[in-house]
Amino acid sequence: MIRFPFAPRLTWRCLAAVLALVATCPSVWAANLIGSYDLAAGSYANSISGSGSLGSLSPISSSGTYGFVTSGSNPGWFWSAATAPGTGLTLSGLPANDSFGTFGSYSIGMRFSLGQVSGYRRLIQFKDADVGQYVSSGLFQFYDNGNNPTGGSITANTTVDFVLTRTTTGMVNGYVNGSSTPVLSFLDGTDARTNTNRTLQFFRDNSGGNDFSTSGNVSLLRIWDGPLPAAEIPTAMSIVPEPTTAVLLAVGATAVVLRMSRRLTRGR
């Protein structure tokens, strides 16, 4: 019987390579993470690189102050004393992923706090119009000139995680603080997708609008190019996301490599 003393070492190296590939390949996810912005680290840059990844965030402000705070118990990008239409962040170059050439299938994750939650306070602007995602009187509300669904809750100056997802067929779900049960769910027409310029604005109202918070903080923004399934919401805003499908592939790869190791060791 021929033995291969080097086989275990070789197969464990193969296993490490497979696991590394699984961890870094976005195609194994239900949706590809194309933008991750760790604003608590003091940067507008996207930590995701490679084909399909987005560019950097850009600040946008009419007045007041804004900037990074990277120390203390609540680091992130802060703004204060904003005036109409508000202070926020903008992101361009989103993929065209529906039949209208717009950004219409996605997941958007935000870790933030607002200084004001009474009245309407814009969270996400998809186009220069009133429609979009808001906080309204301490609730999450999507204003779409229709049923305007609401749910969840938020208090002033308290950090919260919010994830909004939309399918190509227009099914929209909103999740709060990692719960896999949506706090709002509705079938959208065109209001929850971008115009053909494929640009998002965060925390800033549309032109001339007054529905914004004069102060706030955001520490993490994430963008996926498709809707996350409910099972992946609990880890969507983790520092190291762990998509369920990726974990399953890693387990399968481990089993295959270990089987190869046994066969080589036995000379089969």
C-alpha atoms as a PDB file:
ATOM      1  CA  MET A   1       0.000   0.000   0.000  1.00  0.00           C
ATOM      2  CA  ILE A   2       1.432   3.354  -1.029  1.00  0.00           C
ATOM      3  CA  ARG A   3       1.227   6.090   1.595  1.00  0.00           C
ATOM      4  CA  PHE A   4       1.511   9.822   1.080  1.00  0.00           C
ATOM      5  CA  PRO A   5       2.902  11.396   4.260  1.00  0.00           C
ATOM      6  CA  PHE A   6       2.495  14.847   2.776  1.00  0.00           C
ATOM      7  CA  ALA A   7      -1.201  14.388   2.002  1.00  0.00           C
ATOM      8  CA  PRO A   8      -2.677  15.775   5.239  1.00  0.00           C
ATOM      9  CA  ARG A   9      -0.545  18.901   4.990  1.00  0.00           C
ATOM     10  CA  LEU A  10      -1.502  19.339   1.332  1.00  0.00           C
ATOM     11  CA  THR A  11      -5.221  18.843   1.892  1.00  0.00           C
ATOM     12  CA  TRP A  12      -5.310  21.226   4.848  1.00  0.00           C
ATOM     13  CA  ARG A  13      -3.675  23.846   2.655  1.00  0.00           C
ATOM     14  CA  CYS A  14      -6.353  23.175   0.043  1.00  0.00           C
ATOM     15  CA  LEU A  15      -9.013  23.540   2.715  1.00  0.00           C
ATOM     16  CA  ALA A  16      -7.620  26.891   3.801  1.00  0.00           C
ATOM     17  CA  ALA A  17      -7.666  28.079   0.195  1.00  0.00           C
ATOM     18  CA  VAL A  18     -11.254  26.930  -0.317  1.00  0.00           C
ATOM     19  CA  LEU A  19     -12.439  28.605   2.880  1.00  0.00           C
ATOM     20  CA  ALA A  20     -10.683  31.827   1.935  1.00  0.00           C
ATOM     21  CA  LEU A  21     -12.393  31.748  -1.466  1.00  0.00           C
ATOM     22  CA  VAL A  22     -15.793  31.158   0.111  1.00  0.00           C
ATOM     23  CA  ALA A  23     -15.256  34.026   2.553  1.00  0.00           C
ATOM     24  CA  THR A  24     -14.293  36.529  -0.131  1.00  0.00           C
ATOM     25  CA  CYS A  25     -16.461  35.528  -3.067  1.00  0.00           C
ATOM     26  CA  PRO A  26     -19.700  37.559  -3.049  1.00  0.00           C
ATOM     27  CA  SER A  27     -21.411  35.266  -5.550  1.00  0.00           C
ATOM     28  CA  VAL A  28     -22.136  32.721  -2.811  1.00  0.00           C
ATOM     29  CA  TRP A  29     -24.390  35.202  -1.040  1.00  0.00           C
ATOM     30  CA  ALA A  30     -28.094  35.606  -1.742  1.00  0.00           C
ATOM     31  CA  ALA A  31     -27.153  39.182  -2.692  1.00  0.00           C
ATOM     32  CA  ASN A  32     -23.740  40.663  -3.362  1.00  0.00           C
ATOM     33  CA  LEU A  33     -22.401  43.140  -0.816  1.00  0.00           C
ATOM     34  CA  ILE A  34     -21.186  45.945  -3.078  1.00  0.00           C
ATOM     35  CA  GLY A  35     -20.718  48.713  -0.527  1.00  0.00           C
ATOM     36  CA  SER A  36     -19.665  48.721   3.124  1.00  0.00           C
ATOM     37  CA  TYR A  37     -18.851  52.047   4.742  1.00  0.00           C
ATOM     38  CA  ASP A  38     -17.386  51.948   8.246  1.00  0.00           C
ATOM     39  CA  LEU A  39     -17.870  55.593   9.115  1.00  0.00           C
ATOM     40  CA  ALA A  40     -16.916  54.912  12.731  1.00  0.00           C
ATOM     41  CA  ALA A  41     -13.376  54.399  11.409  1.00  0.00           C
ATOM     42  CA  GLY A  42     -13.333  57.929   9.983  1.00  0.00           C
ATOM     43  CA  SER A  43     -13.528  57.214   6.254  1.00  0.00           C
ATOM     44  CA  TYR A  44     -15.966  57.669   3.368  1.00  0.00           C
ATOM     45  CA  ALA A  45     -14.257  54.810   1.473  1.00  0.00           C
ATOM     46  CA  ASN A  46     -15.856  51.521   0.509  1.00  0.00           C
ATOM     47  CA  SER A  47     -14.145  48.598   2.254  1.00  0.00           C
ATOM     48  CA  ILE A  48     -15.417  46.245  -0.482  1.00  0.00           C
ATOM     49  CA  SER A  49     -13.217  46.088  -3.557  1.00  0.00           C
ATOM     50  CA  GLY A  50     -13.296  44.270  -6.853  1.00  0.00           C
ATOM     51  CA  SER A  51     -15.649  44.052  -9.797  1.00  0.00           C
ATOM     52  CA  GLY A  52     -19.076  45.541  -9.136  1.00  0.00           C
ATOM     53  CA  SER A  53     -18.116  47.392  -5.961  1.00  0.00           C
ATOM     54  CA  LEU A  54     -19.265  50.973  -5.437  1.00  0.00           C
ATOM     55  CA  GLY A  55     -17.212  54.121  -4.974  1.00  0.00           C
ATOM     56  CA  SER A  56     -16.907  56.340  -1.917  1.00  0.00           C
ATOM     57  CA  LEU A  57     -19.617  58.263  -0.113  1.00  0.00           C
ATOM     58  CA  SER A  58     -19.697  62.040  -0.425  1.00  0.00           C
ATOM     59  CA  PRO A  59     -20.980  64.531   2.169  1.00  0.00           C
ATOM     60  CA  ILE A  60     -23.607  67.047   1.108  1.00  0.00           C
ATOM     61  CA  SER A  61     -24.681  70.021   3.211  1.00  0.00           C
ATOM     62  CA  SER A  62     -26.319  73.430   2.915  1.00  0.00           C
ATOM     63  CA  SER A  63     -25.057  74.729   6.268  1.00  0.00           C
ATOM     64  CA  GLY A  64     -24.133  73.657   9.767  1.00  0.00           C
ATOM     65  CA  THR A  65     -21.245  71.394  10.685  1.00  0.00           C
ATOM     66  CA  TYR A  66     -20.360  67.776  10.003  1.00  0.00           C
ATOM     67  CA  GLY A  67     -17.385  65.446  10.351  1.00  0.00           C
ATOM     68  CA  PHE A  68     -15.971  62.300  11.897  1.00  0.00           C
ATOM     69  CA  VAL A  69     -15.603  61.409  15.555  1.00  0.00           C
ATOM     70  CA  THR A  70     -13.544  58.230  15.894  1.00  0.00           C
ATOM     71  CA  SER A  71     -13.068  58.059  19.657  1.00  0.00           C
ATOM     72  CA  GLY A  72     -15.391  57.681  22.619  1.00  0.00           C
ATOM     73  CA  SER A  73     -18.386  55.398  23.034  1.00  0.00           C
ATOM     74  CA  ASN A  74     -20.306  56.503  19.922  1.00  0.00           C
ATOM     75  CA  PRO A  75     -17.955  57.041  16.972  1.00  0.00           C
ATOM     76  CA  GLY A  76     -19.208  57.864  13.500  1.00  0.00           C
ATOM     77  CA  TRP A  77     -20.043  60.680  11.095  1.00  0.00           C
ATOM     78  CA  PHE A  78     -21.953  63.461  12.830  1.00  0.00           C
ATOM     79  CA  TRP A  79     -23.860  66.483  11.653  1.00  0.00           C
ATOM     80  CA  SER A  80     -25.509  69.361  13.498  1.00  0.00           C
ATOM     81  CA  ALA A  81     -27.277  72.695  12.921  1.00  0.00           C
ATOM     82  CA  ALA A  82     -28.478  71.589   9.491  1.00  0.00           C
ATOM     83  CA  THR A  83     -30.881  73.761   7.521  1.00  0.00           C
ATOM     84  CA  ALA A  84     -33.136  72.908   4.549  1.00  0.00           C
ATOM     85  CA  PRO A  85     -32.867  70.588   2.778  1.00  0.00           C
ATOM     86  CA  GLY A  86     -30.526  69.073   5.351  1.00  0.00           C
ATOM     87  CA  THR A  87     -27.089  67.521   5.752  1.00  0.00           C
ATOM     88  CA  GLY A  88     -26.295  63.985   4.689  1.00  0.00           C
ATOM     89  CA  LEU A  89     -24.367  61.606   2.480  1.00  0.00           C
ATOM     90  CA  THR A  90     -24.732  60.744  -1.186  1.00  0.00           C
ATOM     91  CA  LEU A  91     -23.740  57.653  -3.178  1.00  0.00           C
ATOM     92  CA  SER A  92     -23.651  57.430  -6.976  1.00  0.00           C
ATOM     93  CA  GLY A  93     -22.853  54.727  -9.504  1.00  0.00           C
ATOM     94  CA  LEU A  94     -25.349  52.141  -8.285  1.00  0.00           C
ATOM     95  CA  PRO A  95     -25.960  49.237 -10.675  1.00  0.00           C
ATOM     96  CA  ALA A  96     -28.844  49.214 -13.133  1.00  0.00           C
ATOM     97  CA  ASN A  97     -30.566  46.030 -12.033  1.00  0.00           C
ATOM     98  CA  ASP A  98     -34.124  46.256 -13.272  1.00  0.00           C
ATOM     99  CA  SER A  99     -35.829  46.631 -16.634  1.00  0.00           C
ATOM    100  CA  PHE A 100     -36.068  50.413 -16.284  1.00  0.00           C
ATOM    101  CA  GLY A 101     -32.284  50.869 -16.053  1.00  0.00           C
ATOM    102  CA  THR A 102     -32.565  51.917 -12.407  1.00  0.00           C
ATOM    103  CA  PHE A 103     -31.388  50.590  -9.060  1.00  0.00           C
ATOM    104  CA  GLY A 104     -34.530  48.678  -8.150  1.00  0.00           C
ATOM    105  CA  SER A 105     -33.387  45.458  -6.472  1.00  0.00           C
ATOM    106  CA  TYR A 106     -31.325  45.945  -3.346  1.00  0.00           C
ATOM    107  CA  SER A 107     -30.782  45.838   0.388  1.00  0.00           C
ATOM    108  CA  ILE A 108     -29.709  48.988   2.232  1.00  0.00           C
ATOM    109  CA  GLY A 109     -28.433  48.777   5.805  1.00  0.00           C
ATOM    110  CA  MET A 110     -27.991  51.771   8.118  1.00  0.00           C
ATOM    111  CA  ARG A 111     -26.695  52.091  11.695  1.00  0.00           C
ATOM    112  CA  PHE A 112     -27.602  55.594  12.829  1.00  0.00           C
ATOM    113  CA  SER A 113     -29.288  57.924  15.299  1.00  0.00           C
ATOM    114  CA  LEU A 114     -31.291  61.107  14.779  1.00  0.00           C
ATOM    115  CA  GLY A 115     -31.525  64.119  17.026  1.00  0.00           C
ATOM    116  CA  GLN A 116     -35.188  64.519  16.089  1.00  0.00           C
ATOM    117  CA  VAL A 117     -37.794  61.822  15.434  1.00  0.00           C
ATOM    118  CA  SER A 118     -40.998  63.884  15.660  1.00  0.00           C
ATOM    119  CA  GLY A 119     -42.689  64.764  12.385  1.00  0.00           C
ATOM    120  CA  TYR A 120     -41.103  63.525   9.146  1.00  0.00           C
ATOM    121  CA  ARG A 121     -37.333  62.932   9.098  1.00  0.00           C
ATOM    122  CA  ARG A 122     -35.848  61.631   5.860  1.00  0.00           C
ATOM    123  CA  LEU A 123     -33.649  58.535   5.905  1.00  0.00           C
ATOM    124  CA  ILE A 124     -33.270  57.566   2.221  1.00  0.00           C
ATOM    125  CA  GLN A 125     -33.933  59.677  -0.870  1.00  0.00           C
ATOM    126  CA  PHE A 126     -34.246  57.622  -4.062  1.00  0.00           C
ATOM    127  CA  LYS A 127     -35.133  60.562  -6.294  1.00  0.00           C
ATOM    128  CA  ASP A 128     -35.767  64.303  -6.049  1.00  0.00           C
ATOM    129  CA  ALA A 129     -39.331  63.823  -4.819  1.00  0.00           C
ATOM    130  CA  ASP A 130     -41.266  63.425  -1.592  1.00  0.00           C
ATOM    131  CA  VAL A 131     -41.458  59.632  -1.889  1.00  0.00           C
ATOM    132  CA  GLY A 132     -38.890  57.692   0.116  1.00  0.00           C
ATOM    133  CA  GLN A 133     -37.988  56.212   3.484  1.00  0.00           C
ATOM    134  CA  TYR A 134     -38.573  58.318   6.601  1.00  0.00           C
ATOM    135  CA  VAL A 135     -38.845  58.271  10.331  1.00  0.00           C
ATOM    136  CA  SER A 136     -42.271  59.689  11.159  1.00  0.00           C
ATOM    137  CA  SER A 137     -43.362  60.475  14.714  1.00  0.00           C
ATOM    138  CA  GLY A 138     -41.034  57.845  16.162  1.00  0.00           C
ATOM    139  CA  LEU A 139     -41.971  55.157  13.603  1.00  0.00           C
ATOM    140  CA  PHE A 140     -40.357  53.944  10.383  1.00  0.00           C
ATOM    141  CA  GLN A 141     -42.515  54.955   7.423  1.00  0.00           C
ATOM    142  CA  PHE A 142     -42.182  54.613   3.690  1.00  0.00           C
ATOM    143  CA  TYR A 143     -43.995  57.523   2.076  1.00  0.00           C
ATOM    144  CA  ASP A 144     -45.201  56.494  -1.388  1.00  0.00           C
ATOM    145  CA  ASN A 145     -48.260  58.670  -1.997  1.00  0.00           C
ATOM    146  CA  GLY A 146     -50.326  55.581  -1.277  1.00  0.00           C
ATOM    147  CA  ASN A 147     -50.759  53.384   1.788  1.00  0.00           C
ATOM    148  CA  ASN A 148     -47.591  54.789   3.470  1.00  0.00           C
ATOM    149  CA  PRO A 149     -46.793  51.715   5.638  1.00  0.00           C
ATOM    150  CA  THR A 150     -45.321  52.268   9.108  1.00  0.00           C
ATOM    151  CA  GLY A 151     -43.800  50.078  11.801  1.00  0.00           C
ATOM    152  CA  GLY A 152     -41.065  49.639  14.371  1.00  0.00           C
ATOM    153  CA  SER A 153     -39.974  52.444  16.650  1.00  0.00           C
ATOM    154  CA  ILE A 154     -37.073  54.817  17.190  1.00  0.00           C
ATOM    155  CA  THR A 155     -36.251  57.353  19.884  1.00  0.00           C
ATOM    156  CA  ALA A 156     -34.128  60.484  19.563  1.00  0.00           C
ATOM    157  CA  ASN A 157     -30.337  60.147  19.968  1.00  0.00           C
ATOM    158  CA  THR A 158     -30.529  56.340  20.190  1.00  0.00           C
ATOM    159  CA  THR A 159     -28.585  54.176  17.744  1.00  0.00           C
ATOM    160  CA  VAL A 160     -30.659  51.767  15.668  1.00  0.00           C
ATOM    161  CA  ASP A 161     -30.023  49.326  12.803  1.00  0.00           C
ATOM    162  CA  PHE A 162     -32.418  49.523   9.860  1.00  0.00           C
ATOM    163  CA  VAL A 163     -32.334  47.339   6.730  1.00  0.00           C
ATOM    164  CA  LEU A 164     -34.590  48.010   3.725  1.00  0.00           C
ATOM    165  CA  THR A 165     -34.898  45.383   0.975  1.00  0.00           C
ATOM    166  CA  ARG A 166     -36.632  45.438  -2.429  1.00  0.00           C
ATOM    167  CA  THR A 167     -37.092  42.697  -5.018  1.00  0.00           C
ATOM    168  CA  THR A 168     -37.284  43.245  -8.772  1.00  0.00           C
ATOM    169  CA  THR A 169     -41.035  42.639  -8.503  1.00  0.00           C
ATOM    170  CA  GLY A 170     -41.357  45.519  -6.025  1.00  0.00           C
ATOM    171  CA  MET A 171     -41.751  43.684  -2.720  1.00  0.00           C
ATOM    172  CA  VAL A 172     -40.305  45.956  -0.020  1.00  0.00           C
ATOM    173  CA  ASN A 173     -39.492  44.928   3.558  1.00  0.00           C
ATOM    174  CA  GLY A 174     -38.032  46.960   6.413  1.00  0.00           C
ATOM    175  CA  TYR A 175     -36.241  45.390   9.385  1.00  0.00           C
ATOM    176  CA  VAL A 176     -35.115  46.906  12.682  1.00  0.00           C
ATOM    177  CA  ASN A 177     -32.248  45.891  15.001  1.00  0.00           C
ATOM    178  CA  GLY A 178     -31.512  42.541  13.390  1.00  0.00           C
ATOM    179  CA  SER A 179     -34.979  41.019  13.733  1.00  0.00           C
ATOM    180  CA  SER A 180     -35.901  38.759  10.821  1.00  0.00           C
ATOM    181  CA  THR A 181     -39.544  39.857  11.121  1.00  0.00           C
ATOM    182  CA  PRO A 182     -40.199  42.962   9.003  1.00  0.00           C
ATOM    183  CA  VAL A 183     -41.716  46.017  10.692  1.00  0.00           C
ATOM    184  CA  LEU A 184     -43.098  47.217   7.371  1.00  0.00           C
ATOM    185  CA  SER A 185     -43.892  45.283   4.202  1.00  0.00           C
ATOM    186  CA  PHE A 186     -45.597  46.419   1.004  1.00  0.00           C
ATOM    187  CA  LEU A 187     -45.719  46.030  -2.762  1.00  0.00           C
ATOM    188  CA  ASP A 188     -44.079  49.044  -4.381  1.00  0.00           C
ATOM    189  CA  GLY A 189     -44.723  50.521  -7.799  1.00  0.00           C
ATOM    190  CA  THR A 190     -41.797  52.783  -8.681  1.00  0.00           C
ATOM    191  CA  ASP A 191     -41.261  54.898  -5.565  1.00  0.00           C
ATOM    192  CA  ALA A 192     -38.691  52.712  -3.797  1.00  0.00           C
ATOM    193  CA  ARG A 193     -36.223  52.615  -6.669  1.00  0.00           C
ATOM    194  CA  THR A 194     -33.869  55.237  -8.042  1.00  0.00           C
ATOM    195  CA  ASN A 195     -34.172  57.347 -11.140  1.00  0.00           C
ATOM    196  CA  THR A 196     -31.882  56.477 -14.029  1.00  0.00           C
ATOM    197  CA  ASN A 197     -29.121  58.532 -12.384  1.00  0.00           C
ATOM    198  CA  ARG A 198     -28.920  55.666  -9.826  1.00  0.00           C
ATOM    199  CA  THR A 199     -27.957  57.875  -6.876  1.00  0.00           C
ATOM    200  CA  LEU A 200     -29.013  57.653  -3.229  1.00  0.00           C
ATOM    201  CA  GLN A 201     -28.994  60.378  -0.605  1.00  0.00           C
ATOM    202  CA  PHE A 202     -29.144  59.653   3.107  1.00  0.00           C
ATOM    203  CA  PHE A 203     -30.678  61.905   5.798  1.00  0.00           C
ATOM    204  CA  ARG A 204     -31.245  64.803   3.392  1.00  0.00           C
ATOM    205  CA  ASP A 205     -34.642  65.815   2.020  1.00  0.00           C
ATOM    206  CA  ASN A 206     -35.424  66.530  -1.620  1.00  0.00           C
ATOM    207  CA  SER A 207     -34.872  70.015  -3.026  1.00  0.00           C
ATOM    208  CA  GLY A 208     -36.384  72.652  -0.789  1.00  0.00           C
ATOM    209  CA  GLY A 209     -37.787  70.070   1.610  1.00  0.00           C
ATOM    210  CA  ASN A 210     -37.880  70.530   5.362  1.00  0.00           C
ATOM    211  CA  ASP A 211     -38.288  66.884   6.384  1.00  0.00           C
ATOM    212  CA  PHE A 212     -34.848  66.240   7.857  1.00  0.00           C
ATOM    213  CA  SER A 213     -33.189  66.018  11.260  1.00  0.00           C
ATOM    214  CA  THR A 214     -30.986  68.960  12.171  1.00  0.00           C
ATOM    215  CA  SER A 215     -28.525  66.601  13.868  1.00  0.00           C
ATOM    216  CA  GLY A 216     -27.584  62.949  13.855  1.00  0.00           C
ATOM    217  CA  ASN A 217     -24.920  60.288  13.566  1.00  0.00           C
ATOM    218  CA  VAL A 218     -24.263  57.354  11.237  1.00  0.00           C
ATOM    219  CA  SER A 219     -21.587  54.752  11.920  1.00  0.00           C
ATOM    220  CA  LEU A 220     -22.224  52.074   9.264  1.00  0.00           C
ATOM    221  CA  LEU A 221     -23.845  51.970   5.816  1.00  0.00           C
ATOM    222  CA  ARG A 222     -24.107  48.867   3.638  1.00  0.00           C
ATOM    223  CA  ILE A 223     -25.487  48.270   0.143  1.00  0.00           C
ATOM    224  CA  TRP A 224     -26.299  44.925  -1.497  1.00  0.00           C
ATOM    225  CA  ASP A 225     -27.341  44.501  -5.138  1.00  0.00           C
ATOM    226  CA  GLY A 226     -30.348  42.354  -4.271  1.00  0.00           C
ATOM    227  CA  PRO A 227     -32.793  41.577  -1.460  1.00  0.00           C
ATOM    228  CA  LEU A 228     -31.418  39.735   1.563  1.00  0.00           C
ATOM    229  CA  PRO A 229     -33.601  36.870   2.751  1.00  0.00           C
ATOM    230  CA  ALA A 230     -35.044  37.242   6.227  1.00  0.00           C
ATOM    231  CA  ALA A 231     -32.656  34.581   7.572  1.00  0.00           C
ATOM    232  CA  GLU A 232     -29.658  36.816   6.788  1.00  0.00           C
ATOM    233  CA  ILE A 233     -31.004  39.986   8.403  1.00  0.00           C
ATOM    234  CA  PRO A 234     -29.680  39.159  11.933  1.00  0.00           C
ATOM    235  CA  THR A 235     -26.059  39.228  10.668  1.00  0.00           C
ATOM    236  CA  ALA A 236     -26.443  41.795   7.884  1.00  0.00           C
ATOM    237  CA  MET A 237     -24.959  44.618   9.950  1.00  0.00           C
ATOM    238  CA  SER A 238     -22.355  42.523  11.750  1.00  0.00           C
ATOM    239  CA  ILE A 239     -18.783  43.740  11.427  1.00  0.00           C
ATOM    240  CA  VAL A 240     -17.977  40.449   9.649  1.00  0.00           C
ATOM    241  CA  PRO A 241     -21.164  39.413   7.794  1.00  0.00           C
ATOM    242  CA  GLU A 242     -21.819  35.656   7.836  1.00  0.00           C
ATOM    243  CA  PRO A 243     -24.269  34.806   5.058  1.00  0.00           C
ATOM    244  CA  THR A 244     -25.997  31.496   5.587  1.00  0.00           C
ATOM    245  CA  THR A 245     -25.198  30.220   2.107  1.00  0.00           C
ATOM    246  CA  ALA A 246     -21.511  30.973   2.539  1.00  0.00           C
ATOM    247  CA  VAL A 247     -21.387  29.056   5.798  1.00  0.00           C
ATOM    248  CA  LEU A 248     -23.087  26.068   4.190  1.00  0.00           C
ATOM    249  CA  LEU A 249     -20.622  26.072   1.308  1.00  0.00           C
ATOM    250  CA  ALA A 250     -17.714  26.255   3.744  1.00  0.00           C
ATOM    251  CA  VAL A 251     -19.015  23.222   5.642  1.00  0.00           C
ATOM    252  CA  GLY A 252     -19.450  21.313   2.391  1.00  0.00           C
ATOM    253  CA  ALA A 253     -15.933  22.209   1.270  1.00  0.00           C
ATOM    254  CA  THR A 254     -14.533  21.001   4.591  1.00  0.00           C
ATOM    255  CA  ALA A 255     -16.225  17.624   4.187  1.00  0.00           C
ATOM    256  CA  VAL A 256     -14.894  17.165   0.650  1.00  0.00           C
ATOM    257  CA  VAL A 257     -11.319  18.036   1.594  1.00  0.00           C
ATOM    258  CA  LEU A 258     -11.336  15.763   4.645  1.00  0.00           C
ATOM    259  CA  ARG A 259     -12.590  12.886   2.504  1.00  0.00           C
ATOM    260  CA  MET A 260      -9.767  13.501   0.023  1.00  0.00           C
ATOM    261  CA  SER A 261      -7.302  13.482   2.911  1.00  0.00           C
ATOM    262  CA  ARG A 262      -8.484  10.085   4.154  1.00  0.00           C
ATOM    263  CA  ARG A 263      -8.303   8.536   0.685  1.00  0.00           C
ATOM    264  CA  LEU A 264      -4.792   9.833   0.037  1.00  0.00           C
ATOM    265  CA  THR A 265      -3.577   8.644   3.426  1.00  0.00           C
ATOM    266  CA  ARG A 266      -4.952   5.157   2.770  1.00  0.00           C
ATOM    267  CA  GLY A 267      -3.412   5.031  -0.694  1.00  0.00           C
ATOM    268  CA  ARG A 268      -6.745   4.837  -2.514  1.00  0.00           C
END
